[in-house]
Structures are given as structure tokens and as C-alpha cells.
mmCIF file of all heavy atoms, coordinates in Angstrom:
data_MODEL
# 
_entry.id   MODEL 
# 
loop_
_atom_site.group_PDB 
_atom_site.id 
_atom_site.type_symbol 
_atom_site.label_atom_id 
_atom_site.label_alt_id 
_atom_site.label_comp_id 
_atom_site.label_asym_id 
_atom_site.label_entity_id 
_atom_site.label_seq_id 
_atom_site.pdbx_PDB_ins_code 
_atom_site.Cartn_x 
_atom_site.Cartn_y 
_atom_site.Cartn_z 
_atom_site.occupancy 
_atom_site.B_iso_or_equiv 
_atom_site.pdbx_formal_charge 
_atom_site.auth_seq_id 
_atom_site.auth_comp_id 
_atom_site.auth_asym_id 
_atom_site.auth_atom_id 
_atom_site.pdbx_PDB_model_num 
ATOM 1   N N   . PRO A 1 1  ? -59.939 165.691 -220.978 1.00 0.00 ? 1  PRO A N   1 
ATOM 2   C CA  . PRO A 1 1  ? -59.678 165.648 -219.534 1.00 0.00 ? 1  PRO A CA  1 
ATOM 3   C C   . PRO A 1 1  ? -60.533 164.608 -218.799 1.00 0.00 ? 1  PRO A C   1 
ATOM 4   O O   . PRO A 1 1  ? -60.283 164.333 -217.620 1.00 0.00 ? 1  PRO A O   1 
ATOM 5   C CB  . PRO A 1 1  ? -60.050 167.058 -219.070 1.00 0.00 ? 1  PRO A CB  1 
ATOM 6   C CG  . PRO A 1 1  ? -61.095 167.500 -220.053 1.00 0.00 ? 1  PRO A CG  1 
ATOM 7   C CD  . PRO A 1 1  ? -60.723 166.888 -221.360 1.00 0.00 ? 1  PRO A CD  1 
ATOM 8   N N   . ALA A 1 2  ? -61.527 164.045 -219.474 1.00 0.00 ? 2  ALA A N   1 
ATOM 9   C CA  . ALA A 1 2  ? -62.450 163.116 -218.807 1.00 0.00 ? 2  ALA A CA  1 
ATOM 10  C C   . ALA A 1 2  ? -61.933 161.690 -218.909 1.00 0.00 ? 2  ALA A C   1 
ATOM 11  O O   . ALA A 1 2  ? -61.545 161.231 -219.991 1.00 0.00 ? 2  ALA A O   1 
ATOM 12  C CB  . ALA A 1 2  ? -63.833 163.210 -219.436 1.00 0.00 ? 2  ALA A CB  1 
ATOM 13  N N   . ARG A 1 3  ? -61.929 160.975 -217.800 1.00 0.00 ? 3  ARG A N   1 
ATOM 14  C CA  . ARG A 1 3  ? -61.514 159.574 -217.774 1.00 0.00 ? 3  ARG A CA  1 
ATOM 15  C C   . ARG A 1 3  ? -62.765 158.711 -217.791 1.00 0.00 ? 3  ARG A C   1 
ATOM 16  O O   . ARG A 1 3  ? -63.512 158.634 -216.806 1.00 0.00 ? 3  ARG A O   1 
ATOM 17  C CB  . ARG A 1 3  ? -60.665 159.285 -216.543 1.00 0.00 ? 3  ARG A CB  1 
ATOM 18  C CG  . ARG A 1 3  ? -60.253 157.834 -216.423 1.00 0.00 ? 3  ARG A CG  1 
ATOM 19  C CD  . ARG A 1 3  ? -59.120 157.625 -215.423 1.00 0.00 ? 3  ARG A CD  1 
ATOM 20  N NE  . ARG A 1 3  ? -57.850 158.071 -215.966 1.00 0.00 ? 3  ARG A NE  1 
ATOM 21  C CZ  . ARG A 1 3  ? -56.656 157.647 -215.510 1.00 0.00 ? 3  ARG A CZ  1 
ATOM 22  N NH1 . ARG A 1 3  ? -56.598 156.764 -214.542 1.00 0.00 ? 3  ARG A NH1 1 
ATOM 23  N NH2 . ARG A 1 3  ? -55.551 158.118 -216.039 1.00 0.00 ? 3  ARG A NH2 1 
ATOM 24  N N   . ALA A 1 4  ? -63.019 158.047 -218.944 1.00 0.00 ? 4  ALA A N   1 
ATOM 25  C CA  . ALA A 1 4  ? -64.215 157.209 -219.092 1.00 0.00 ? 4  ALA A CA  1 
ATOM 26  C C   . ALA A 1 4  ? -64.041 155.860 -218.424 1.00 0.00 ? 4  ALA A C   1 
ATOM 27  O O   . ALA A 1 4  ? -65.005 155.294 -217.895 1.00 0.00 ? 4  ALA A O   1 
ATOM 28  C CB  . ALA A 1 4  ? -64.533 157.023 -220.576 1.00 0.00 ? 4  ALA A CB  1 
ATOM 29  N N   . LEU A 1 5  ? -62.833 155.306 -218.461 1.00 0.00 ? 5  LEU A N   1 
ATOM 30  C CA  . LEU A 1 5  ? -62.538 154.030 -217.814 1.00 0.00 ? 5  LEU A CA  1 
ATOM 31  C C   . LEU A 1 5  ? -61.294 154.198 -216.955 1.00 0.00 ? 5  LEU A C   1 
ATOM 32  O O   . LEU A 1 5  ? -60.285 154.754 -217.408 1.00 0.00 ? 5  LEU A O   1 
ATOM 33  C CB  . LEU A 1 5  ? -62.322 152.923 -218.851 1.00 0.00 ? 5  LEU A CB  1 
ATOM 34  C CG  . LEU A 1 5  ? -63.554 152.516 -219.671 1.00 0.00 ? 5  LEU A CG  1 
ATOM 35  C CD1 . LEU A 1 5  ? -63.166 151.531 -220.762 1.00 0.00 ? 5  LEU A CD1 1 
ATOM 36  C CD2 . LEU A 1 5  ? -64.633 151.907 -218.778 1.00 0.00 ? 5  LEU A CD2 1 
ATOM 37  N N   . ASP A 1 6  ? -61.371 153.705 -215.731 1.00 0.00 ? 6  ASP A N   1 
ATOM 38  C CA  . ASP A 1 6  ? -60.293 153.878 -214.766 1.00 0.00 ? 6  ASP A CA  1 
ATOM 39  C C   . ASP A 1 6  ? -59.881 152.508 -214.227 1.00 0.00 ? 6  ASP A C   1 
ATOM 40  O O   . ASP A 1 6  ? -60.397 152.050 -213.218 1.00 0.00 ? 6  ASP A O   1 
ATOM 41  C CB  . ASP A 1 6  ? -60.759 154.805 -213.638 1.00 0.00 ? 6  ASP A CB  1 
ATOM 42  C CG  . ASP A 1 6  ? -59.656 155.159 -212.657 1.00 0.00 ? 6  ASP A CG  1 
ATOM 43  O OD1 . ASP A 1 6  ? -58.488 154.803 -212.923 1.00 0.00 ? 6  ASP A OD1 1 
ATOM 44  O OD2 . ASP A 1 6  ? -59.969 155.786 -211.642 1.00 0.00 ? 6  ASP A OD2 1 
ATOM 45  N N   . ARG A 1 7  ? -58.984 151.834 -214.975 1.00 0.00 ? 7  ARG A N   1 
ATOM 46  C CA  . ARG A 1 7  ? -58.529 150.487 -214.627 1.00 0.00 ? 7  ARG A CA  1 
ATOM 47  C C   . ARG A 1 7  ? -59.714 149.535 -214.492 1.00 0.00 ? 7  ARG A C   1 
ATOM 48  O O   . ARG A 1 7  ? -59.829 148.749 -213.535 1.00 0.00 ? 7  ARG A O   1 
ATOM 49  C CB  . ARG A 1 7  ? -57.683 150.499 -213.349 1.00 0.00 ? 7  ARG A CB  1 
ATOM 50  C CG  . ARG A 1 7  ? -56.411 151.339 -213.466 1.00 0.00 ? 7  ARG A CG  1 
ATOM 51  C CD  . ARG A 1 7  ? -55.480 151.165 -212.277 1.00 0.00 ? 7  ARG A CD  1 
ATOM 52  N NE  . ARG A 1 7  ? -55.078 149.777 -212.116 1.00 0.00 ? 7  ARG A NE  1 
ATOM 53  C CZ  . ARG A 1 7  ? -54.132 149.161 -212.830 1.00 0.00 ? 7  ARG A CZ  1 
ATOM 54  N NH1 . ARG A 1 7  ? -53.502 149.831 -213.809 1.00 0.00 ? 7  ARG A NH1 1 
ATOM 55  N NH2 . ARG A 1 7  ? -53.816 147.913 -212.610 1.00 0.00 ? 7  ARG A NH2 1 
ATOM 56  N N   . ALA A 1 8  ? -60.605 149.588 -215.464 1.00 0.00 ? 8  ALA A N   1 
ATOM 57  C CA  . ALA A 1 8  ? -61.787 148.718 -215.477 1.00 0.00 ? 8  ALA A CA  1 
ATOM 58  C C   . ALA A 1 8  ? -61.382 147.273 -215.744 1.00 0.00 ? 8  ALA A C   1 
ATOM 59  O O   . ALA A 1 8  ? -60.366 147.002 -216.396 1.00 0.00 ? 8  ALA A O   1 
ATOM 60  C CB  . ALA A 1 8  ? -62.772 149.188 -216.538 1.00 0.00 ? 8  ALA A CB  1 
ATOM 61  N N   . ALA A 1 9  ? -62.173 146.344 -215.246 1.00 0.00 ? 9  ALA A N   1 
ATOM 62  C CA  . ALA A 1 9  ? -61.883 144.921 -215.399 1.00 0.00 ? 9  ALA A CA  1 
ATOM 63  C C   . ALA A 1 9  ? -63.173 144.160 -215.655 1.00 0.00 ? 9  ALA A C   1 
ATOM 64  O O   . ALA A 1 9  ? -64.251 144.543 -215.188 1.00 0.00 ? 9  ALA A O   1 
ATOM 65  C CB  . ALA A 1 9  ? -61.191 144.380 -214.155 1.00 0.00 ? 9  ALA A CB  1 
ATOM 66  N N   . LEU A 1 10 ? -63.047 143.065 -216.413 1.00 0.00 ? 10 LEU A N   1 
ATOM 67  C CA  . LEU A 1 10 ? -64.203 142.224 -216.732 1.00 0.00 ? 10 LEU A CA  1 
ATOM 68  C C   . LEU A 1 10 ? -63.689 140.879 -217.215 1.00 0.00 ? 10 LEU A C   1 
ATOM 69  O O   . LEU A 1 10 ? -62.664 140.805 -217.903 1.00 0.00 ? 10 LEU A O   1 
ATOM 70  C CB  . LEU A 1 10 ? -65.046 142.871 -217.836 1.00 0.00 ? 10 LEU A CB  1 
ATOM 71  C CG  . LEU A 1 10 ? -66.246 142.082 -218.357 1.00 0.00 ? 10 LEU A CG  1 
ATOM 72  C CD1 . LEU A 1 10 ? -67.364 142.086 -217.314 1.00 0.00 ? 10 LEU A CD1 1 
ATOM 73  C CD2 . LEU A 1 10 ? -66.759 142.668 -219.668 1.00 0.00 ? 10 LEU A CD2 1 
ATOM 74  N N   . SER A 1 11 ? -64.390 139.820 -216.866 1.00 0.00 ? 11 SER A N   1 
ATOM 75  C CA  . SER A 1 11 ? -64.093 138.500 -217.430 1.00 0.00 ? 11 SER A CA  1 
ATOM 76  C C   . SER A 1 11 ? -65.378 137.905 -217.987 1.00 0.00 ? 11 SER A C   1 
ATOM 77  O O   . SER A 1 11 ? -66.468 138.188 -217.474 1.00 0.00 ? 11 SER A O   1 
ATOM 78  C CB  . SER A 1 11 ? -63.477 137.572 -216.378 1.00 0.00 ? 11 SER A CB  1 
ATOM 79  O OG  . SER A 1 11 ? -64.418 137.274 -215.361 1.00 0.00 ? 11 SER A OG  1 
ATOM 80  N N   . LEU A 1 12 ? -65.244 137.101 -219.018 1.00 0.00 ? 12 LEU A N   1 
ATOM 81  C CA  . LEU A 1 12 ? -66.412 136.501 -219.682 1.00 0.00 ? 12 LEU A CA  1 
ATOM 82  C C   . LEU A 1 12 ? -66.058 135.081 -220.083 1.00 0.00 ? 12 LEU A C   1 
ATOM 83  O O   . LEU A 1 12 ? -65.046 134.850 -220.744 1.00 0.00 ? 12 LEU A O   1 
ATOM 84  C CB  . LEU A 1 12 ? -66.796 137.321 -220.918 1.00 0.00 ? 12 LEU A CB  1 
ATOM 85  C CG  . LEU A 1 12 ? -68.043 136.894 -221.683 1.00 0.00 ? 12 LEU A CG  1 
ATOM 86  C CD1 . LEU A 1 12 ? -69.284 137.038 -220.804 1.00 0.00 ? 12 LEU A CD1 1 
ATOM 87  C CD2 . LEU A 1 12 ? -68.209 137.729 -222.953 1.00 0.00 ? 12 LEU A CD2 1 
ATOM 88  N N   . ARG A 1 13 ? -66.898 134.133 -219.677 1.00 0.00 ? 13 ARG A N   1 
ATOM 89  C CA  . ARG A 1 13 ? -66.655 132.725 -219.941 1.00 0.00 ? 13 ARG A CA  1 
ATOM 90  C C   . ARG A 1 13 ? -67.710 132.145 -220.864 1.00 0.00 ? 13 ARG A C   1 
ATOM 91  O O   . ARG A 1 13 ? -68.882 132.543 -220.805 1.00 0.00 ? 13 ARG A O   1 
ATOM 92  C CB  . ARG A 1 13 ? -66.666 131.937 -218.626 1.00 0.00 ? 13 ARG A CB  1 
ATOM 93  C CG  . ARG A 1 13 ? -65.720 132.448 -217.552 1.00 0.00 ? 13 ARG A CG  1 
ATOM 94  C CD  . ARG A 1 13 ? -66.075 131.829 -216.226 1.00 0.00 ? 13 ARG A CD  1 
ATOM 95  N NE  . ARG A 1 13 ? -65.291 132.400 -215.126 1.00 0.00 ? 13 ARG A NE  1 
ATOM 96  C CZ  . ARG A 1 13 ? -65.644 132.348 -213.845 1.00 0.00 ? 13 ARG A CZ  1 
ATOM 97  N NH1 . ARG A 1 13 ? -66.806 131.773 -213.512 1.00 0.00 ? 13 ARG A NH1 1 
ATOM 98  N NH2 . ARG A 1 13 ? -64.888 132.884 -212.922 1.00 0.00 ? 13 ARG A NH2 1 
ATOM 99  N N   . GLY A 1 14 ? -67.306 131.192 -221.657 1.00 0.00 ? 14 GLY A N   1 
ATOM 100 C CA  . GLY A 1 14 ? -68.257 130.482 -222.495 1.00 0.00 ? 14 GLY A CA  1 
ATOM 101 C C   . GLY A 1 14 ? -69.285 129.752 -221.650 1.00 0.00 ? 14 GLY A C   1 
ATOM 102 O O   . GLY A 1 14 ? -68.970 129.250 -220.568 1.00 0.00 ? 14 GLY A O   1 
ATOM 103 N N   . GLY A 1 15 ? -70.535 129.727 -222.123 1.00 0.00 ? 15 GLY A N   1 
ATOM 104 C CA  . GLY A 1 15 ? -71.589 129.017 -221.401 1.00 0.00 ? 15 GLY A CA  1 
ATOM 105 C C   . GLY A 1 15 ? -72.179 129.777 -220.238 1.00 0.00 ? 15 GLY A C   1 
ATOM 106 O O   . GLY A 1 15 ? -72.831 129.177 -219.377 1.00 0.00 ? 15 GLY A O   1 
ATOM 107 N N   . GLU A 1 16 ? -71.987 131.106 -220.188 1.00 0.00 ? 16 GLU A N   1 
ATOM 108 C CA  . GLU A 1 16 ? -72.567 131.894 -219.109 1.00 0.00 ? 16 GLU A CA  1 
ATOM 109 C C   . GLU A 1 16 ? -73.221 133.157 -219.654 1.00 0.00 ? 16 GLU A C   1 
ATOM 110 O O   . GLU A 1 16 ? -72.898 133.639 -220.738 1.00 0.00 ? 16 GLU A O   1 
ATOM 111 C CB  . GLU A 1 16 ? -71.504 132.289 -218.072 1.00 0.00 ? 16 GLU A CB  1 
ATOM 112 C CG  . GLU A 1 16 ? -70.599 133.425 -218.502 1.00 0.00 ? 16 GLU A CG  1 
ATOM 113 C CD  . GLU A 1 16 ? -69.789 134.047 -217.359 1.00 0.00 ? 16 GLU A CD  1 
ATOM 114 O OE1 . GLU A 1 16 ? -70.020 133.698 -216.185 1.00 0.00 ? 16 GLU A OE1 1 
ATOM 115 O OE2 . GLU A 1 16 ? -68.923 134.885 -217.659 1.00 0.00 ? 16 GLU A OE2 1 
ATOM 116 N N   . VAL A 1 17 ? -74.154 133.681 -218.857 1.00 0.00 ? 17 VAL A N   1 
ATOM 117 C CA  . VAL A 1 17 ? -74.696 135.016 -219.083 1.00 0.00 ? 17 VAL A CA  1 
ATOM 118 C C   . VAL A 1 17 ? -74.087 135.915 -218.013 1.00 0.00 ? 17 VAL A C   1 
ATOM 119 O O   . VAL A 1 17 ? -74.271 135.664 -216.814 1.00 0.00 ? 17 VAL A O   1 
ATOM 120 C CB  . VAL A 1 17 ? -76.233 135.037 -218.992 1.00 0.00 ? 17 VAL A CB  1 
ATOM 121 C CG1 . VAL A 1 17 ? -76.754 136.466 -219.156 1.00 0.00 ? 17 VAL A CG1 1 
ATOM 122 C CG2 . VAL A 1 17 ? -76.845 134.126 -220.044 1.00 0.00 ? 17 VAL A CG2 1 
ATOM 123 N N   . HIS A 1 18 ? -73.369 136.919 -218.455 1.00 0.00 ? 18 HIS A N   1 
ATOM 124 C CA  . HIS A 1 18 ? -72.674 137.820 -217.529 1.00 0.00 ? 18 HIS A CA  1 
ATOM 125 C C   . HIS A 1 18 ? -73.275 139.211 -217.712 1.00 0.00 ? 18 HIS A C   1 
ATOM 126 O O   . HIS A 1 18 ? -73.176 139.805 -218.779 1.00 0.00 ? 18 HIS A O   1 
ATOM 127 C CB  . HIS A 1 18 ? -71.179 137.851 -217.836 1.00 0.00 ? 18 HIS A CB  1 
ATOM 128 C CG  . HIS A 1 18 ? -70.354 138.502 -216.766 1.00 0.00 ? 18 HIS A CG  1 
ATOM 129 N ND1 . HIS A 1 18 ? -69.184 137.953 -216.294 1.00 0.00 ? 18 HIS A ND1 1 
ATOM 130 C CD2 . HIS A 1 18 ? -70.535 139.654 -216.054 1.00 0.00 ? 18 HIS A CD2 1 
ATOM 131 C CE1 . HIS A 1 18 ? -68.673 138.735 -215.354 1.00 0.00 ? 18 HIS A CE1 1 
ATOM 132 N NE2 . HIS A 1 18 ? -69.480 139.780 -215.202 1.00 0.00 ? 18 HIS A NE2 1 
ATOM 133 N N   . ALA A 1 19 ? -73.901 139.733 -216.669 1.00 0.00 ? 19 ALA A N   1 
ATOM 134 C CA  . ALA A 1 19 ? -74.529 141.054 -216.737 1.00 0.00 ? 19 ALA A CA  1 
ATOM 135 C C   . ALA A 1 19 ? -73.500 142.132 -216.401 1.00 0.00 ? 19 ALA A C   1 
ATOM 136 O O   . ALA A 1 19 ? -72.737 141.997 -215.440 1.00 0.00 ? 19 ALA A O   1 
ATOM 137 C CB  . ALA A 1 19 ? -75.705 141.139 -215.772 1.00 0.00 ? 19 ALA A CB  1 
ATOM 138 N N   . LEU A 1 20 ? -73.499 143.188 -217.207 1.00 0.00 ? 20 LEU A N   1 
ATOM 139 C CA  . LEU A 1 20 ? -72.657 144.359 -216.957 1.00 0.00 ? 20 LEU A CA  1 
ATOM 140 C C   . LEU A 1 20 ? -73.576 145.510 -216.585 1.00 0.00 ? 20 LEU A C   1 
ATOM 141 O O   . LEU A 1 20 ? -74.434 145.915 -217.375 1.00 0.00 ? 20 LEU A O   1 
ATOM 142 C CB  . LEU A 1 20 ? -71.837 144.706 -218.194 1.00 0.00 ? 20 LEU A CB  1 
ATOM 143 C CG  . LEU A 1 20 ? -70.925 145.934 -218.090 1.00 0.00 ? 20 LEU A CG  1 
ATOM 144 C CD1 . LEU A 1 20 ? -69.888 145.753 -216.990 1.00 0.00 ? 20 LEU A CD1 1 
ATOM 145 C CD2 . LEU A 1 20 ? -70.261 146.219 -219.431 1.00 0.00 ? 20 LEU A CD2 1 
ATOM 146 N N   . MET A 1 21 ? -73.406 146.036 -215.372 1.00 0.00 ? 21 MET A N   1 
ATOM 147 C CA  . MET A 1 21 ? -74.314 147.057 -214.862 1.00 0.00 ? 21 MET A CA  1 
ATOM 148 C C   . MET A 1 21 ? -73.547 148.283 -214.391 1.00 0.00 ? 21 MET A C   1 
ATOM 149 O O   . MET A 1 21 ? -72.354 148.224 -214.089 1.00 0.00 ? 21 MET A O   1 
ATOM 150 C CB  . MET A 1 21 ? -75.167 146.504 -213.730 1.00 0.00 ? 21 MET A CB  1 
ATOM 151 C CG  . MET A 1 21 ? -76.003 145.294 -214.116 1.00 0.00 ? 21 MET A CG  1 
ATOM 152 S SD  . MET A 1 21 ? -77.254 144.910 -212.870 1.00 0.00 ? 21 MET A SD  1 
ATOM 153 C CE  . MET A 1 21 ? -78.436 146.225 -213.152 1.00 0.00 ? 21 MET A CE  1 
ATOM 154 N N   . GLY A 1 22 ? -74.252 149.379 -214.307 1.00 0.00 ? 22 GLY A N   1 
ATOM 155 C CA  . GLY A 1 22 ? -73.686 150.638 -213.847 1.00 0.00 ? 22 GLY A CA  1 
ATOM 156 C C   . GLY A 1 22 ? -74.593 151.771 -214.267 1.00 0.00 ? 22 GLY A C   1 
ATOM 157 O O   . GLY A 1 22 ? -75.408 151.623 -215.186 1.00 0.00 ? 22 GLY A O   1 
ATOM 158 N N   . GLU A 1 23 ? -74.467 152.906 -213.594 1.00 0.00 ? 23 GLU A N   1 
ATOM 159 C CA  . GLU A 1 23 ? -75.261 154.060 -213.968 1.00 0.00 ? 23 GLU A CA  1 
ATOM 160 C C   . GLU A 1 23 ? -74.850 154.552 -215.349 1.00 0.00 ? 23 GLU A C   1 
ATOM 161 O O   . GLU A 1 23 ? -73.773 154.212 -215.862 1.00 0.00 ? 23 GLU A O   1 
ATOM 162 C CB  . GLU A 1 23 ? -75.071 155.186 -212.954 1.00 0.00 ? 23 GLU A CB  1 
ATOM 163 C CG  . GLU A 1 23 ? -75.608 154.884 -211.567 1.00 0.00 ? 23 GLU A CG  1 
ATOM 164 C CD  . GLU A 1 23 ? -75.577 156.109 -210.673 1.00 0.00 ? 23 GLU A CD  1 
ATOM 165 O OE1 . GLU A 1 23 ? -74.565 156.322 -209.993 1.00 0.00 ? 23 GLU A OE1 1 
ATOM 166 O OE2 . GLU A 1 23 ? -76.586 156.843 -210.657 1.00 0.00 ? 23 GLU A OE2 1 
ATOM 167 N N   . ASN A 1 24 ? -75.718 155.363 -215.973 1.00 0.00 ? 24 ASN A N   1 
ATOM 168 C CA  . ASN A 1 24 ? -75.324 155.998 -217.221 1.00 0.00 ? 24 ASN A CA  1 
ATOM 169 C C   . ASN A 1 24 ? -74.067 156.819 -216.973 1.00 0.00 ? 24 ASN A C   1 
ATOM 170 O O   . ASN A 1 24 ? -73.990 157.590 -216.010 1.00 0.00 ? 24 ASN A O   1 
ATOM 171 C CB  . ASN A 1 24 ? -76.439 156.905 -217.741 1.00 0.00 ? 24 ASN A CB  1 
ATOM 172 C CG  . ASN A 1 24 ? -77.632 156.102 -218.242 1.00 0.00 ? 24 ASN A CG  1 
ATOM 173 O OD1 . ASN A 1 24 ? -78.690 156.137 -217.639 1.00 0.00 ? 24 ASN A OD1 1 
ATOM 174 N ND2 . ASN A 1 24 ? -77.467 155.366 -219.324 1.00 0.00 ? 24 ASN A ND2 1 
ATOM 175 N N   . GLY A 1 25 ? -73.074 156.650 -217.848 1.00 0.00 ? 25 GLY A N   1 
ATOM 176 C CA  . GLY A 1 25 ? -71.807 157.337 -217.672 1.00 0.00 ? 25 GLY A CA  1 
ATOM 177 C C   . GLY A 1 25 ? -70.807 156.548 -216.850 1.00 0.00 ? 25 GLY A C   1 
ATOM 178 O O   . GLY A 1 25 ? -69.698 157.030 -216.585 1.00 0.00 ? 25 GLY A O   1 
# 
């Protein structure tokens, strides 16, 4: 019954550092 991801989105490009942040869970 738990939804871990709800239409999540992310992009990642070569030559960059991309930080992914969020609370635990």
C-alpha cells in the first residue's frame, strides 16, 4: 500500500555533479 515514488523525475548530464537530496524515506 506504500507509494515509494510518486511520478519522480531526474535528469543527469555528462560533465556535471548533480546532488539528489531529500529526507530519509
